[in-house]
Amino acid sequence: MAEGKYVSVAEVKELLTAENERRGELIPSLRAAMNTAIETCPLTKDQADELIAKIIDILSDISLADKDATAVKIADTLPRFPSEVRAIFAKERGVTLSPEMIQQIIDAVAEYA
């Protein structure tokens, strides 16, 4: 099985927009995906990549099964409140974020949102 990588909604938006320009028109399902990405994601791919890198750095001190997936989820949802950050980590067993770490995540997101 091929290894995959997690992509942010910002990257999907960029890829679909470029493909739409190249083809002239996308099939309806891809056009709907592109429109949803455009409507829901205020970040560019570069901004999302920077935010993901910052989140991975913030999470470097905790034991987390997949930091990349979690960082992408944070970049996609752009949590603004501690309860939103805690919800992202709710299913992670044994992971407890300190209030300081939660605030670091919120501050990093605030730079881009």
N, C-alpha and C. Protein backbone atom coordinates (compact mmCIF):
# COMPACT_ATOMS: atom_id res chain seq x y z
N MET A 1 0.84 -1.18 0.00
CA MET A 1 0.00 0.00 0.00
C MET A 1 0.88 1.24 0.00
N ALA A 2 0.54 2.19 -0.79
CA ALA A 2 1.32 3.42 -0.90
C ALA A 2 1.13 4.29 0.32
N GLU A 3 2.22 4.89 0.73
CA GLU A 3 2.15 5.83 1.85
C GLU A 3 1.52 7.13 1.37
N GLY A 4 0.65 7.69 2.16
CA GLY A 4 0.02 8.95 1.81
C GLY A 4 0.52 10.06 2.70
N LYS A 5 0.16 11.25 2.34
CA LYS A 5 0.49 12.38 3.20
C LYS A 5 -0.78 13.16 3.43
N TYR A 6 -0.83 13.80 4.54
CA TYR A 6 -1.99 14.62 4.87
C TYR A 6 -1.87 15.95 4.14
N VAL A 7 -2.97 16.37 3.56
CA VAL A 7 -2.99 17.67 2.89
C VAL A 7 -4.06 18.54 3.53
N SER A 8 -3.77 19.80 3.60
CA SER A 8 -4.71 20.75 4.19
C SER A 8 -5.77 21.14 3.17
N VAL A 9 -6.85 21.69 3.67
CA VAL A 9 -7.90 22.20 2.79
C VAL A 9 -7.33 23.30 1.90
N ALA A 10 -6.40 24.08 2.42
CA ALA A 10 -5.77 25.13 1.63
C ALA A 10 -5.03 24.55 0.42
N GLU A 11 -4.37 23.42 0.61
CA GLU A 11 -3.67 22.78 -0.50
C GLU A 11 -4.66 22.20 -1.50
N VAL A 12 -5.74 21.61 -1.01
CA VAL A 12 -6.79 21.09 -1.89
C VAL A 12 -7.37 22.23 -2.71
N LYS A 13 -7.62 23.35 -2.05
CA LYS A 13 -8.16 24.53 -2.74
C LYS A 13 -7.22 24.95 -3.86
N GLU A 14 -5.94 25.02 -3.58
CA GLU A 14 -4.96 25.43 -4.58
C GLU A 14 -4.89 24.43 -5.74
N LEU A 15 -4.86 23.15 -5.42
CA LEU A 15 -4.78 22.13 -6.46
C LEU A 15 -6.00 22.14 -7.37
N LEU A 16 -7.18 22.21 -6.76
CA LEU A 16 -8.41 22.20 -7.56
C LEU A 16 -8.57 23.48 -8.38
N THR A 17 -8.18 24.61 -7.82
CA THR A 17 -8.27 25.87 -8.56
C THR A 17 -7.33 25.84 -9.77
N ALA A 18 -6.12 25.34 -9.58
CA ALA A 18 -5.17 25.22 -10.69
C ALA A 18 -5.69 24.26 -11.75
N GLU A 19 -6.26 23.17 -11.32
CA GLU A 19 -6.79 22.19 -12.28
C GLU A 19 -7.99 22.76 -13.03
N ASN A 20 -8.81 23.53 -12.35
CA ASN A 20 -9.95 24.18 -13.00
C ASN A 20 -9.47 25.15 -14.07
N GLU A 21 -8.43 25.91 -13.77
CA GLU A 21 -7.88 26.85 -14.76
C GLU A 21 -7.26 26.11 -15.94
N ARG A 22 -6.61 24.99 -15.65
CA ARG A 22 -5.98 24.21 -16.71
C ARG A 22 -7.01 23.58 -17.63
N ARG A 23 -8.05 22.98 -17.06
CA ARG A 23 -9.07 22.29 -17.85
C ARG A 23 -10.12 23.22 -18.42
N GLY A 24 -10.33 24.31 -17.75
CA GLY A 24 -11.42 25.20 -18.15
C GLY A 24 -12.69 24.93 -17.37
N GLU A 25 -12.90 23.69 -16.97
CA GLU A 25 -14.06 23.34 -16.15
C GLU A 25 -13.83 21.97 -15.52
N LEU A 26 -14.24 21.83 -14.28
CA LEU A 26 -14.12 20.57 -13.57
C LEU A 26 -15.44 19.82 -13.62
N ILE A 27 -15.38 18.51 -13.38
CA ILE A 27 -16.63 17.75 -13.26
C ILE A 27 -17.36 18.26 -12.02
N PRO A 28 -18.67 18.08 -11.97
CA PRO A 28 -19.46 18.68 -10.88
C PRO A 28 -18.97 18.35 -9.47
N SER A 29 -18.56 17.12 -9.21
CA SER A 29 -18.12 16.77 -7.85
C SER A 29 -16.84 17.51 -7.47
N LEU A 30 -15.91 17.63 -8.41
CA LEU A 30 -14.68 18.37 -8.13
C LEU A 30 -14.95 19.87 -8.02
N ARG A 31 -15.87 20.37 -8.83
CA ARG A 31 -16.23 21.79 -8.75
C ARG A 31 -16.86 22.09 -7.38
N ALA A 32 -17.70 21.17 -6.90
CA ALA A 32 -18.31 21.35 -5.58
C ALA A 32 -17.25 21.32 -4.49
N ALA A 33 -16.28 20.41 -4.60
CA ALA A 33 -15.19 20.35 -3.62
C ALA A 33 -14.37 21.63 -3.65
N MET A 34 -14.08 22.13 -4.85
CA MET A 34 -13.31 23.37 -4.98
C MET A 34 -14.07 24.53 -4.35
N ASN A 35 -15.35 24.64 -4.64
CA ASN A 35 -16.15 25.74 -4.08
C ASN A 35 -16.22 25.67 -2.56
N THR A 36 -16.36 24.47 -2.03
CA THR A 36 -16.39 24.31 -0.57
C THR A 36 -15.06 24.71 0.03
N ALA A 37 -13.96 24.30 -0.58
CA ALA A 37 -12.63 24.67 -0.08
C ALA A 37 -12.44 26.18 -0.13
N ILE A 38 -12.88 26.81 -1.21
CA ILE A 38 -12.75 28.26 -1.34
C ILE A 38 -13.56 28.98 -0.26
N GLU A 39 -14.78 28.49 0.00
CA GLU A 39 -15.66 29.13 0.98
C GLU A 39 -15.22 28.93 2.42
N THR A 40 -14.60 27.80 2.70
CA THR A 40 -14.31 27.46 4.09
C THR A 40 -12.88 27.71 4.53
N CYS A 41 -11.97 27.93 3.59
CA CYS A 41 -10.56 28.06 3.95
C CYS A 41 -10.02 29.44 3.60
N PRO A 42 -9.74 30.25 4.61
CA PRO A 42 -9.20 31.58 4.34
C PRO A 42 -7.69 31.60 4.08
N LEU A 43 -7.02 30.49 4.32
CA LEU A 43 -5.56 30.45 4.21
C LEU A 43 -5.10 30.06 2.82
N THR A 44 -3.91 30.54 2.47
CA THR A 44 -3.23 30.04 1.27
C THR A 44 -2.48 28.77 1.67
N LYS A 45 -2.00 28.03 0.68
CA LYS A 45 -1.24 26.82 0.97
C LYS A 45 0.01 27.16 1.77
N ASP A 46 0.70 28.24 1.39
CA ASP A 46 1.92 28.63 2.11
C ASP A 46 1.62 28.98 3.57
N GLN A 47 0.53 29.71 3.80
CA GLN A 47 0.14 30.05 5.17
C GLN A 47 -0.19 28.78 5.96
N ALA A 48 -0.93 27.88 5.34
CA ALA A 48 -1.29 26.62 6.02
C ALA A 48 -0.04 25.81 6.33
N ASP A 49 0.90 25.74 5.39
CA ASP A 49 2.14 25.01 5.63
C ASP A 49 2.94 25.61 6.79
N GLU A 50 2.99 26.94 6.86
CA GLU A 50 3.69 27.60 7.97
C GLU A 50 3.01 27.30 9.30
N LEU A 51 1.67 27.38 9.30
CA LEU A 51 0.93 27.10 10.53
C LEU A 51 1.12 25.65 10.96
N ILE A 52 1.06 24.74 10.02
CA ILE A 52 1.25 23.32 10.34
C ILE A 52 2.63 23.10 10.96
N ALA A 53 3.64 23.73 10.41
CA ALA A 53 5.01 23.60 10.96
C ALA A 53 5.07 24.15 12.38
N LYS A 54 4.41 25.28 12.63
CA LYS A 54 4.40 25.86 13.98
C LYS A 54 3.68 24.94 14.96
N ILE A 55 2.57 24.36 14.53
CA ILE A 55 1.81 23.46 15.41
C ILE A 55 2.63 22.21 15.71
N ILE A 56 3.28 21.65 14.72
CA ILE A 56 4.13 20.47 14.96
C ILE A 56 5.23 20.81 15.95
N ASP A 57 5.80 22.00 15.84
CA ASP A 57 6.82 22.44 16.78
C ASP A 57 6.25 22.57 18.20
N ILE A 58 5.05 23.13 18.31
CA ILE A 58 4.41 23.27 19.62
C ILE A 58 4.15 21.89 20.23
N LEU A 59 3.75 20.93 19.40
CA LEU A 59 3.40 19.59 19.88
C LEU A 59 4.61 18.68 20.06
N SER A 60 5.81 19.20 19.81
CA SER A 60 7.01 18.36 19.84
C SER A 60 7.27 17.70 21.19
N ASP A 61 6.79 18.28 22.27
CA ASP A 61 7.09 17.75 23.60
C ASP A 61 6.07 16.72 24.10
N ILE A 62 5.03 16.46 23.32
CA ILE A 62 4.03 15.49 23.78
C ILE A 62 4.09 14.23 22.93
N SER A 63 3.66 13.14 23.51
CA SER A 63 3.62 11.87 22.79
C SER A 63 2.26 11.77 22.09
N LEU A 64 2.31 11.87 20.78
CA LEU A 64 1.09 11.88 19.98
C LEU A 64 1.32 10.96 18.80
N ALA A 65 0.36 10.09 18.52
CA ALA A 65 0.52 9.09 17.46
C ALA A 65 0.84 9.72 16.11
N ASP A 66 0.11 10.76 15.73
CA ASP A 66 0.34 11.36 14.42
C ASP A 66 0.23 12.88 14.51
N LYS A 67 1.35 13.50 14.78
CA LYS A 67 1.38 14.96 14.92
C LYS A 67 1.01 15.66 13.61
N ASP A 68 1.41 15.08 12.46
CA ASP A 68 1.09 15.70 11.17
C ASP A 68 -0.42 15.79 10.97
N ALA A 69 -1.12 14.70 11.22
CA ALA A 69 -2.57 14.70 11.04
C ALA A 69 -3.24 15.70 11.96
N THR A 70 -2.78 15.78 13.19
CA THR A 70 -3.36 16.70 14.16
C THR A 70 -3.07 18.14 13.76
N ALA A 71 -1.86 18.41 13.30
CA ALA A 71 -1.50 19.77 12.88
C ALA A 71 -2.33 20.20 11.67
N VAL A 72 -2.55 19.29 10.74
CA VAL A 72 -3.38 19.61 9.57
C VAL A 72 -4.81 19.87 10.00
N LYS A 73 -5.31 19.08 10.94
CA LYS A 73 -6.67 19.29 11.43
C LYS A 73 -6.80 20.66 12.09
N ILE A 74 -5.80 21.07 12.83
CA ILE A 74 -5.81 22.40 13.46
C ILE A 74 -5.79 23.48 12.38
N ALA A 75 -4.95 23.31 11.36
CA ALA A 75 -4.88 24.30 10.28
C ALA A 75 -6.19 24.37 9.49
N ASP A 76 -6.88 23.25 9.39
CA ASP A 76 -8.15 23.22 8.66
C ASP A 76 -9.30 23.84 9.46
N THR A 77 -9.29 23.64 10.77
CA THR A 77 -10.41 24.11 11.59
C THR A 77 -10.17 25.47 12.23
N LEU A 78 -8.91 25.88 12.35
CA LEU A 78 -8.54 27.17 12.93
C LEU A 78 -9.26 27.44 14.25
N PRO A 79 -9.00 26.61 15.26
CA PRO A 79 -9.68 26.80 16.55
C PRO A 79 -9.31 28.14 17.20
N ARG A 80 -10.31 28.78 17.78
CA ARG A 80 -10.09 30.08 18.42
C ARG A 80 -10.23 30.02 19.94
N PHE A 81 -10.80 28.95 20.44
CA PHE A 81 -11.08 28.85 21.88
C PHE A 81 -10.49 27.57 22.43
N PRO A 82 -10.14 27.57 23.72
CA PRO A 82 -9.57 26.35 24.33
C PRO A 82 -10.45 25.12 24.16
N SER A 83 -11.75 25.30 24.25
CA SER A 83 -12.65 24.14 24.10
C SER A 83 -12.54 23.52 22.71
N GLU A 84 -12.30 24.34 21.69
CA GLU A 84 -12.14 23.82 20.33
C GLU A 84 -10.84 23.05 20.19
N VAL A 85 -9.79 23.52 20.82
CA VAL A 85 -8.50 22.81 20.79
C VAL A 85 -8.65 21.49 21.54
N ARG A 86 -9.27 21.51 22.70
CA ARG A 86 -9.46 20.28 23.47
C ARG A 86 -10.29 19.27 22.69
N ALA A 87 -11.28 19.72 21.93
CA ALA A 87 -12.11 18.82 21.14
C ALA A 87 -11.28 18.08 20.08
N ILE A 88 -10.31 18.75 19.51
CA ILE A 88 -9.45 18.12 18.51
C ILE A 88 -8.64 16.98 19.13
N PHE A 89 -8.24 17.16 20.39
CA PHE A 89 -7.42 16.17 21.06
C PHE A 89 -8.24 15.18 21.91
N ALA A 90 -9.55 15.29 21.89
CA ALA A 90 -10.40 14.49 22.76
C ALA A 90 -10.23 12.99 22.55
N LYS A 91 -10.04 12.55 21.33
CA LYS A 91 -9.94 11.11 21.09
C LYS A 91 -8.54 10.55 21.32
N GLU A 92 -7.58 11.41 21.57
CA GLU A 92 -6.21 10.98 21.81
C GLU A 92 -6.07 10.50 23.25
N ARG A 93 -5.88 9.23 23.41
CA ARG A 93 -5.75 8.67 24.76
C ARG A 93 -4.39 9.02 25.35
N GLY A 94 -4.42 9.44 26.59
CA GLY A 94 -3.18 9.73 27.29
C GLY A 94 -2.54 11.05 26.94
N VAL A 95 -3.22 11.86 26.14
CA VAL A 95 -2.65 13.17 25.77
C VAL A 95 -3.40 14.24 26.53
N THR A 96 -2.66 14.94 27.36
CA THR A 96 -3.22 16.06 28.11
C THR A 96 -2.42 17.30 27.77
N LEU A 97 -3.11 18.29 27.26
CA LEU A 97 -2.45 19.54 26.92
C LEU A 97 -2.51 20.50 28.10
N SER A 98 -1.41 21.15 28.36
CA SER A 98 -1.39 22.15 29.42
C SER A 98 -2.11 23.40 28.91
N PRO A 99 -2.61 24.22 29.82
CA PRO A 99 -3.24 25.47 29.39
C PRO A 99 -2.29 26.34 28.57
N GLU A 100 -0.99 26.28 28.89
CA GLU A 100 -0.01 27.06 28.14
C GLU A 100 0.11 26.57 26.70
N MET A 101 0.09 25.25 26.52
CA MET A 101 0.20 24.69 25.18
C MET A 101 -1.05 25.01 24.36
N ILE A 102 -2.20 24.94 24.99
CA ILE A 102 -3.45 25.30 24.31
C ILE A 102 -3.39 26.75 23.88
N GLN A 103 -2.89 27.62 24.75
CA GLN A 103 -2.78 29.04 24.40
C GLN A 103 -1.78 29.26 23.26
N GLN A 104 -0.68 28.51 23.26
CA GLN A 104 0.29 28.61 22.17
C GLN A 104 -0.36 28.25 20.83
N ILE A 105 -1.19 27.22 20.83
CA ILE A 105 -1.89 26.81 19.61
C ILE A 105 -2.85 27.91 19.17
N ILE A 106 -3.61 28.45 20.10
CA ILE A 106 -4.58 29.52 19.77
C ILE A 106 -3.83 30.74 19.24
N ASP A 107 -2.71 31.08 19.85
CA ASP A 107 -1.92 32.24 19.40
C ASP A 107 -1.36 32.00 17.99
N ALA A 108 -0.88 30.78 17.73
CA ALA A 108 -0.36 30.47 16.40
C ALA A 108 -1.47 30.58 15.35
N VAL A 109 -2.63 30.06 15.66
CA VAL A 109 -3.77 30.14 14.73
C VAL A 109 -4.17 31.59 14.51
N ALA A 110 -4.15 32.39 15.57
CA ALA A 110 -4.58 33.80 15.48
C ALA A 110 -3.69 34.59 14.52
N GLU A 111 -2.45 34.19 14.34
CA GLU A 111 -1.57 34.87 13.39
C GLU A 111 -2.05 34.72 11.95
N TYR A 112 -2.81 33.67 11.67
CA TYR A 112 -3.22 33.37 10.31
C TYR A 112 -4.71 33.53 10.06
N ALA A 113 -5.50 33.45 11.10
CA ALA A 113 -6.96 33.49 10.92
C ALA A 113 -7.47 34.91 10.80
